[in-house]
Protein backbone atom coordinates (compact mmCIF):
# COMPACT_ATOMS: atom_id res chain seq x y z
CA UNK A 1 104.08 113.07 117.28
CA UNK A 2 104.43 109.56 118.60
CA UNK A 3 106.50 106.97 116.83
CA UNK A 4 104.60 104.40 114.82
CA UNK A 5 105.04 100.94 116.38
CA UNK A 6 107.18 98.52 114.37
CA UNK A 7 105.45 95.99 112.10
CA UNK A 8 104.49 92.63 113.48
CA UNK A 9 107.26 90.08 113.42
CA UNK A 10 105.22 87.15 114.67
CA UNK A 11 105.25 83.84 112.85
CA UNK A 12 102.63 83.65 110.06
CA UNK A 13 99.62 81.42 110.16
CA UNK A 14 100.09 78.30 108.07
CA UNK A 15 97.99 78.02 104.95
CA UNK A 16 96.12 74.73 105.38
CA UNK A 17 93.95 72.85 102.95
CA UNK A 18 91.21 70.80 104.58
CA UNK A 19 90.93 67.15 103.60
CA UNK A 20 87.23 67.47 103.12
CA UNK A 21 87.72 70.36 100.75
CA UNK A 22 90.25 68.36 98.75
CA UNK A 23 87.83 65.47 98.54
CA UNK A 24 85.31 67.79 96.95
CA UNK A 25 87.87 69.30 94.62
CA UNK A 26 87.44 72.66 96.34
CA UNK A 27 90.18 74.39 98.27
CA UNK A 28 90.03 76.19 101.58
CA UNK A 29 93.45 77.68 100.78
CA UNK A 30 93.63 80.71 98.52
CA UNK A 31 96.67 79.16 96.83
CA UNK A 32 94.92 76.08 95.44
CA UNK A 33 92.63 76.29 92.43
CA UNK A 34 89.23 74.64 92.15
CA UNK A 35 90.87 71.58 90.66
CA UNK A 36 94.18 70.42 92.12
CA UNK A 37 97.00 69.92 89.58
CA UNK A 38 98.02 66.42 88.54
CA UNK A 39 101.64 67.50 88.86
CA UNK A 40 103.49 70.23 90.70
CA UNK A 41 106.22 71.90 88.65
CA UNK A 42 108.93 73.81 90.50
CA UNK A 43 108.62 77.59 90.45
CA UNK A 44 112.40 78.14 90.37
CA UNK A 45 112.18 79.39 86.78
CA UNK A 46 109.76 82.15 87.80
CA UNK A 47 112.18 83.45 90.43
CA UNK A 48 115.19 83.07 88.15
CA UNK A 49 113.61 85.26 85.49
CA UNK A 50 112.49 87.81 88.05
CA UNK A 51 116.16 88.19 88.97
CA UNK A 52 117.15 88.41 85.32
CA UNK A 53 114.49 91.02 84.58
CA UNK A 54 115.73 93.15 87.48
CA UNK A 55 119.33 92.82 86.30
CA UNK A 56 118.37 93.84 82.76
CA UNK A 57 115.82 96.60 83.39
CA UNK A 58 117.19 98.23 86.52
CA UNK A 59 120.82 97.18 86.14
CA UNK A 60 121.91 97.17 82.51
CA UNK A 61 119.32 99.63 81.17
CA UNK A 62 119.12 101.66 84.40
CA UNK A 63 115.50 102.59 83.78
CA UNK A 64 114.63 105.29 86.31
CA UNK A 65 112.31 105.49 89.29
CA UNK A 66 108.95 103.70 88.77
CA UNK A 67 109.42 102.80 85.08
CA UNK A 68 110.66 99.25 85.86
CA UNK A 69 107.16 98.42 87.12
CA UNK A 70 105.96 98.63 83.52
CA UNK A 71 108.60 96.26 82.19
CA UNK A 72 108.19 93.79 85.03
CA UNK A 73 104.48 93.81 84.24
CA UNK A 74 105.20 92.91 80.62
CA UNK A 75 107.52 90.03 81.51
CA UNK A 76 105.27 88.59 84.21
CA UNK A 77 102.18 88.66 81.98
CA UNK A 78 103.93 86.78 79.17
CA UNK A 79 105.36 84.22 81.59
CA UNK A 80 101.96 83.73 83.21
CA UNK A 81 100.30 83.10 79.83
CA UNK A 82 103.01 80.63 78.89
CA UNK A 83 102.57 78.70 82.13
CA UNK A 84 98.79 78.58 82.49
CA UNK A 85 98.40 78.00 78.76
CA UNK A 86 99.98 74.61 79.43
CA UNK A 87 99.09 73.87 83.05
CA UNK A 88 95.59 75.35 83.10
CA UNK A 89 93.87 76.28 86.41
CA UNK A 90 93.58 80.01 85.63
CA UNK A 91 92.34 82.11 82.75
CA UNK A 92 95.01 83.59 80.52
CA UNK A 93 95.72 87.30 80.25
CA UNK A 94 94.11 88.64 77.05
CA UNK A 95 94.92 85.45 75.17
CA UNK A 96 93.15 82.18 74.45
CA UNK A 97 95.76 79.91 72.86
CA UNK A 98 96.51 76.70 74.72
CA UNK A 99 99.74 74.75 74.58
CA UNK A 100 100.21 70.98 74.39
CA UNK A 101 99.53 69.15 77.64
CA UNK A 102 102.87 67.41 77.21
CA UNK A 103 104.84 70.66 76.94
CA UNK A 104 107.25 71.79 79.65
CA UNK A 105 105.80 74.85 81.38
CA UNK A 106 109.24 75.66 82.79
CA UNK A 107 110.71 75.82 79.28
CA UNK A 108 107.74 77.90 78.17
CA UNK A 109 108.23 80.38 81.01
CA UNK A 110 111.92 80.78 80.20
CA UNK A 111 111.26 81.24 76.49
CA UNK A 112 108.53 83.82 77.11
CA UNK A 113 110.66 85.87 79.50
CA UNK A 114 113.67 85.69 77.21
CA UNK A 115 111.75 86.84 74.16
CA UNK A 116 110.07 89.78 75.92
CA UNK A 117 113.34 91.01 77.40
CA UNK A 118 115.21 90.61 74.11
CA UNK A 119 112.49 92.51 72.27
CA UNK A 120 112.75 95.57 74.49
CA UNK A 121 116.34 95.31 75.75
CA UNK A 122 118.46 93.84 72.93
CA UNK A 123 121.63 95.38 74.37
CA UNK A 124 121.41 92.85 77.21
CA UNK A 125 121.35 89.82 74.91
CA UNK A 126 124.43 88.21 76.46
CA UNK A 127 122.94 88.32 79.96
CA UNK A 128 119.51 87.20 78.74
CA UNK A 129 120.85 84.29 76.70
CA UNK A 130 123.06 83.13 79.56
CA UNK A 131 120.02 83.03 81.83
CA UNK A 132 118.07 81.18 79.14
CA UNK A 133 120.77 78.54 78.76
CA UNK A 134 120.82 78.06 82.53
CA UNK A 135 117.03 77.63 82.59
CA UNK A 136 116.93 75.04 79.82
CA UNK A 137 119.74 73.05 81.42
CA UNK A 138 117.23 72.25 84.18
CA UNK A 139 114.69 70.88 81.66
CA UNK A 140 115.23 67.41 80.16
CA UNK A 141 115.93 67.47 76.43
CA UNK A 142 113.18 66.19 74.20
CA UNK A 143 109.75 66.94 72.84
CA UNK A 144 108.28 68.50 76.03
CA UNK A 145 111.12 71.02 76.13
CA UNK A 146 110.75 71.83 72.42
CA UNK A 147 106.99 72.22 72.74
CA UNK A 148 107.40 74.44 75.79
CA UNK A 149 109.90 76.71 74.07
CA UNK A 150 107.67 77.09 71.02
CA UNK A 151 104.64 77.91 73.15
CA UNK A 152 106.58 80.37 75.30
CA UNK A 153 107.69 82.18 72.16
CA UNK A 154 104.06 82.51 71.08
CA UNK A 155 103.07 83.81 74.52
CA UNK A 156 105.76 86.48 74.28
CA UNK A 157 104.72 87.40 70.75
CA UNK A 158 101.16 87.91 71.98
CA UNK A 159 102.34 90.24 74.75
CA UNK A 160 104.47 92.25 72.34
CA UNK A 161 101.50 92.48 69.97
CA UNK A 162 99.26 93.72 72.79
CA UNK A 163 101.74 96.49 73.60
CA UNK A 164 102.17 97.83 70.08
CA UNK A 165 101.59 101.59 69.82
CA UNK A 166 100.84 101.83 73.54
CA UNK A 167 102.47 105.24 73.99
CA UNK A 168 105.85 104.15 75.32
CA UNK A 169 108.45 106.86 74.90
CA UNK A 170 106.20 109.30 73.06
CA UNK A 171 106.79 113.02 73.48
CA UNK A 172 104.62 114.36 76.29
CA UNK A 173 105.41 117.81 77.65
CA UNK A 174 104.56 119.12 81.10
CA UNK A 175 103.95 122.77 80.28
CA UNK A 176 102.26 124.20 83.37
CA UNK A 177 103.80 127.59 84.11
CA UNK A 178 105.28 128.29 87.57
CA UNK A 179 102.69 129.66 89.97
CA UNK A 180 101.68 129.02 93.58
CA UNK A 181 100.90 125.32 93.89
CA UNK A 182 102.41 124.34 90.53
CA UNK A 183 105.25 121.84 90.39
CA UNK A 184 108.67 122.88 89.26
CA UNK A 185 112.05 121.06 89.38
CA UNK A 186 113.41 120.68 92.90
CA UNK A 187 116.83 120.91 94.55
CA UNK A 188 119.53 119.82 94.45
CA UNK A 189 119.62 118.81 90.77
CA UNK A 190 116.47 120.56 89.47
CA UNK A 191 115.81 117.64 87.10
CA UNK A 192 112.82 118.04 84.72
CA UNK A 193 109.74 115.81 84.99
CA UNK A 194 110.99 112.25 84.36
CA UNK A 195 109.05 110.03 81.94
CA UNK A 196 105.94 112.18 81.41
CA UNK A 197 104.96 109.71 78.66
CA UNK A 198 103.88 107.27 81.38
CA UNK A 199 100.92 109.60 82.03
CA UNK A 200 99.51 108.61 78.63
CA UNK A 201 100.62 104.97 78.49
CA UNK A 202 97.92 102.42 77.73
CA UNK A 203 97.32 100.38 80.91
CA UNK A 204 97.65 96.62 81.06
CA UNK A 205 94.40 95.94 82.93
CA UNK A 206 92.43 99.17 83.15
CA UNK A 207 90.45 100.76 80.34
CA UNK A 208 92.38 104.03 80.46
CA UNK A 209 94.95 105.92 82.56
CA UNK A 210 92.09 108.03 83.91
CA UNK A 211 89.87 105.16 85.09
CA UNK A 212 90.92 105.43 88.74
CA UNK A 213 92.34 108.95 88.70
CA UNK A 214 91.28 110.66 91.95
CA UNK A 215 89.84 114.11 92.37
CA UNK A 216 92.14 117.11 92.87
CA UNK A 217 94.39 117.67 95.87
CA UNK A 218 93.33 119.99 98.71
CA UNK A 219 93.15 123.69 97.89
CA UNK A 220 96.19 125.68 98.99
CA UNK A 221 93.98 127.77 101.25
CA UNK A 222 92.37 124.77 102.98
CA UNK A 223 92.94 123.63 106.56
CA UNK A 224 93.96 120.18 105.34
CA UNK A 225 96.70 121.64 103.16
CA UNK A 226 97.99 123.70 106.10
CA UNK A 227 98.01 120.61 108.34
CA UNK A 228 99.83 118.55 105.74
CA UNK A 229 102.43 121.24 105.21
CA UNK A 230 103.02 121.73 108.93
CA UNK A 231 103.47 117.99 109.46
CA UNK A 232 106.01 117.42 106.71
CA UNK A 233 107.81 120.64 107.59
CA UNK A 234 108.37 119.40 111.14
CA UNK A 235 108.71 115.65 110.63
CA UNK A 236 110.37 115.49 107.21
CA UNK A 237 113.07 118.13 107.61
CA UNK A 238 116.66 117.07 107.07
CA UNK A 239 117.53 118.42 110.51
CA UNK A 240 114.22 117.58 112.22
CA UNK A 241 114.35 117.41 116.01
CA UNK A 242 110.86 115.91 116.19
CA UNK A 243 111.43 112.78 114.07
CA UNK A 244 112.60 109.86 116.20
CA UNK A 245 115.43 107.49 115.31
CA UNK A 246 112.89 104.75 114.62
CA UNK A 247 110.92 107.03 112.32
CA UNK A 248 114.10 107.96 110.48
CA UNK A 249 114.93 104.27 110.02
CA UNK A 250 111.44 103.66 108.61
CA UNK A 251 111.82 106.58 106.22
CA UNK A 252 115.19 105.36 104.97
CA UNK A 253 114.07 101.71 104.78
CA UNK A 254 111.61 102.60 102.04
CA UNK A 255 114.09 104.58 99.96
CA UNK A 256 115.34 101.30 98.52
CA UNK A 257 114.11 101.22 94.88
CA UNK A 258 110.59 99.83 95.23
CA UNK A 259 110.31 97.81 91.98
CA UNK A 260 113.38 95.77 92.85
CA UNK A 261 112.48 95.60 96.54
CA UNK A 262 109.10 94.05 95.76
CA UNK A 263 110.48 91.61 93.19
CA UNK A 264 112.86 90.30 95.84
CA UNK A 265 109.98 90.00 98.31
CA UNK A 266 107.92 87.99 95.80
CA UNK A 267 110.84 85.66 95.18
CA UNK A 268 111.28 85.12 98.89
CA UNK A 269 107.57 84.53 99.46
CA UNK A 270 107.08 82.03 96.63
CA UNK A 271 110.15 80.05 97.72
CA UNK A 272 109.31 79.95 101.44
CA UNK A 273 105.71 78.96 100.84
CA UNK A 274 106.52 76.36 98.20
CA UNK A 275 104.26 77.79 95.51
CA UNK A 276 104.32 75.73 92.35
CA UNK A 277 104.97 77.23 88.94
CA UNK A 278 101.32 78.15 88.34
CA UNK A 279 100.70 79.89 91.63
CA UNK A 280 104.04 81.70 91.50
CA UNK A 281 103.42 82.88 87.94
CA UNK A 282 99.98 84.11 88.99
CA UNK A 283 101.35 86.05 91.96
CA UNK A 284 104.06 87.74 89.88
CA UNK A 285 101.62 88.54 87.07
CA UNK A 286 98.78 89.86 89.22
CA UNK A 287 101.10 91.98 91.34
CA UNK A 288 103.19 92.99 88.32
CA UNK A 289 100.35 94.15 86.10
CA UNK A 290 98.56 95.87 88.99
CA UNK A 291 101.79 97.73 89.78
CA UNK A 292 102.21 98.71 86.14
CA UNK A 293 98.72 100.21 86.10
CA UNK A 294 99.19 101.86 89.49
CA UNK A 295 102.28 103.54 88.04
CA UNK A 296 100.43 104.67 84.93
CA UNK A 297 97.52 106.00 86.99
CA UNK A 298 99.95 107.80 89.29
CA UNK A 299 101.75 109.49 86.42
CA UNK A 300 98.47 110.50 84.82
CA UNK A 301 97.38 112.04 88.12
CA UNK A 302 100.69 113.82 88.66
CA UNK A 303 100.63 115.16 85.10
CA UNK A 304 97.00 116.31 85.38
CA UNK A 305 97.23 118.21 88.66
CA UNK A 306 100.93 119.11 88.72
CA UNK A 307 101.04 119.95 92.44
CA UNK A 308 104.27 121.30 93.86
CA UNK A 309 106.41 119.23 96.22
CA UNK A 310 106.82 120.00 99.93
CA UNK A 311 110.32 121.45 99.46
CA UNK A 312 108.89 124.05 97.07
CA UNK A 313 105.69 124.58 99.03
CA UNK A 314 107.52 125.20 102.32
CA UNK A 315 110.07 127.55 100.79
CA UNK A 316 107.33 129.53 99.03
CA UNK A 317 104.61 129.26 101.67
CA UNK A 318 104.36 133.05 101.75
CA UNK A 319 102.82 132.88 98.25
CA UNK A 320 100.15 130.21 98.86
CA UNK A 321 97.45 132.54 100.23
CA UNK A 322 97.03 130.45 103.38
CA UNK A 323 97.50 132.42 106.63
CA UNK A 324 98.16 129.17 108.53
CA UNK A 325 101.40 128.39 106.65
CA UNK A 326 104.80 129.99 107.16
CA UNK A 327 107.70 129.99 104.72
CA UNK A 328 111.17 128.62 105.42
CA UNK A 329 113.36 129.56 102.43
CA UNK A 330 116.19 127.21 103.43
CA UNK A 331 114.14 124.10 104.30
CA UNK A 332 115.41 120.76 103.01
CA UNK A 333 113.88 117.25 103.22
CA UNK A 334 115.56 114.23 104.79
CA UNK A 335 116.07 112.70 101.33
CA UNK A 336 116.22 114.30 97.90
CA UNK A 337 112.85 114.86 96.24
CA UNK A 338 112.09 112.76 93.13
CA UNK A 339 111.74 114.70 89.85
CA UNK A 340 107.99 114.68 89.27
CA UNK A 341 104.92 116.29 90.86
CA UNK A 342 103.54 115.59 94.31
CA UNK A 343 100.01 114.28 93.96
CA UNK A 344 99.34 111.39 94.18
CA UNK A 345 102.02 109.32 95.91
CA UNK A 346 103.30 106.66 93.51
CA UNK A 347 105.14 104.54 96.06
CA UNK A 348 101.95 104.33 98.11
CA UNK A 349 99.83 103.58 95.03
CA UNK A 350 102.05 100.66 94.08
CA UNK A 351 102.14 99.37 97.63
CA UNK A 352 98.36 99.59 97.86
CA UNK A 353 97.96 97.65 94.62
CA UNK A 354 100.37 94.93 95.71
CA UNK A 355 98.91 94.63 99.20
CA UNK A 356 95.42 94.27 97.74
CA UNK A 357 96.63 91.49 95.45
CA UNK A 358 98.43 89.70 98.27
CA UNK A 359 95.43 90.02 100.59
CA UNK A 360 93.32 88.30 97.95
CA UNK A 361 95.84 85.56 97.19
CA UNK A 362 96.77 84.77 100.80
CA UNK A 363 93.46 85.24 102.54
CA UNK A 364 94.84 88.22 104.47
CA UNK A 365 97.95 86.67 106.04
CA UNK A 366 100.49 88.16 103.67
CA UNK A 367 103.66 87.00 105.50
CA UNK A 368 105.81 89.28 103.35
CA UNK A 369 109.50 89.71 104.14
CA UNK A 370 110.84 92.97 102.76
CA UNK A 371 114.52 93.90 102.85
CA UNK A 372 116.25 97.23 102.37
CA UNK A 373 119.82 97.59 101.15
CA UNK A 374 119.74 101.17 102.41
CA UNK A 375 119.28 100.24 106.07
CA UNK A 376 120.54 96.66 105.85
CA UNK A 377 117.43 95.40 107.64
CA UNK A 378 114.50 93.08 106.91
CA UNK A 379 110.91 93.51 108.05
CA UNK A 380 108.22 90.84 108.13
CA UNK A 381 104.64 91.95 107.60
CA UNK A 382 101.70 89.67 108.28
CA UNK A 383 99.07 92.38 107.85
CA UNK A 384 98.88 94.59 104.76
CA UNK A 385 97.53 97.47 106.86
CA UNK A 386 100.84 97.60 108.75
CA UNK A 387 102.80 97.75 105.52
CA UNK A 388 100.57 100.46 104.04
CA UNK A 389 100.80 102.49 107.24
CA UNK A 390 104.58 102.33 107.34
CA UNK A 391 104.96 103.41 103.73
CA UNK A 392 102.54 106.32 104.08
CA UNK A 393 104.41 107.51 107.16
CA UNK A 394 107.81 106.95 105.57
CA UNK A 395 107.14 109.27 102.65
CA UNK A 396 106.09 112.06 105.01
CA UNK A 397 109.08 111.47 107.29
CA UNK A 398 111.39 111.60 104.26
CA UNK A 399 110.03 115.07 103.61
CA UNK A 400 109.03 114.31 100.03
CA UNK A 401 105.22 113.96 100.30
CA UNK A 402 102.20 115.48 101.96
CA UNK A 403 100.18 112.89 103.88
CA UNK A 404 97.07 113.40 101.76
CA UNK A 405 98.96 112.47 98.58
CA UNK A 406 100.09 109.23 100.21
CA UNK A 407 96.67 108.30 101.59
CA UNK A 408 94.98 108.97 98.25
CA UNK A 409 97.66 107.08 96.33
CA UNK A 410 97.36 104.06 98.59
CA UNK A 411 93.57 104.03 98.29
CA UNK A 412 93.71 104.24 94.50
CA UNK A 413 96.30 101.47 94.41
CA UNK A 414 94.10 99.20 96.50
CA UNK A 415 91.24 99.76 94.07
CA UNK A 416 93.51 98.80 91.18
CA UNK A 417 94.71 95.64 92.95
CA UNK A 418 91.13 94.60 93.61
CA UNK A 419 90.21 95.31 89.99
CA UNK A 420 93.10 93.14 88.80
CA UNK A 421 91.81 90.00 90.49
CA UNK A 422 88.14 90.78 89.90
CA UNK A 423 88.71 90.92 86.14
CA UNK A 424 91.86 88.88 85.41
CA UNK A 425 93.78 85.81 86.59
CA UNK A 426 90.54 84.07 87.53
CA UNK A 427 90.36 80.35 88.45
CA UNK A 428 88.93 78.16 85.73
CA UNK A 429 85.77 76.22 86.65
CA UNK A 430 87.64 72.98 86.03
CA UNK A 431 91.08 71.94 84.86
CA UNK A 432 91.31 72.74 81.17
């Protein structure tokens, strides 16, 4: 197989707003609403609380694998409501209460984020309150600050109310018995299915976890299954002689925890492009809630079909009934396999959702800088197709996914991202 070319590193196109469009009150830039704001409030508070959420959820609480996407979705939705409830320009998320025009949207954002994080992660109160104090030190004392704090608290209370009895942490048991094609814990730790409750969690945007669930994976006896298995067996092996150094770097680049990796990329993007508090809150909320629902849809799909992982499939290929596959009882992937079923690919679903959101918000020039602590490198993507391609390939080259699972996951994620902005976070017809 030939190495995939590296992503584009050319300078992004500049987002320009035409003077004629401004004169009409209509924007040619995807970042400006139908009515330009009378003031532009700094988006520093949005980035600050993204960092705090990561430190609390993934640091202090050490929530595993894709679960942080859910919590980041909660925080970003509450912050978004607090901001646009004061600033206007976009419809609120499942809420219709408006704050005083004189209120500080920065104070509201900080109060909303603080309250959501304290509600679900009280053990991190010291960290959360320190971040809150730092945020309010940047807001002048007085009535606008007080009004903003009060409104942010109400925005958080609304989010918490929306998430009552949503299925978080409930007992859900994966009870499929071992058989050809059925998932079972994988080496080296043989950890049981992590967080099966996410398969039944009420989505943030979608009507149900099944709304975008795809059809079943390829039959074990199919030609597609045999092709997928042969590819990952050759390209994803720990000791592969066919995977190039560049392909290995791509595989390892995307082993950085994705929820944190994307939060850092959003912070970088909103700072470099000078997004104000409204546009930054909208980006974090649209991407955050779409990712939450992509995660829920992924877990529902994994739980429903329960397909075995490549490491199991390759070792037990002599039991799959497919004459085109051959077993290798000692085969190991480049990286350890995550503890949940194969189909569909969750990393690719989340990436698809986020890329769809960014395509919509940027007009297709995503200019996303993504860094990996694993490889110590940064990649700049101007085209979402390049990003999606690299992630799909990476999961195969890691040896942890069949290509079909990644392609299907990415496609489902893109549908969810499109749904997010077709049904939520819509521009208001005029400044309200």
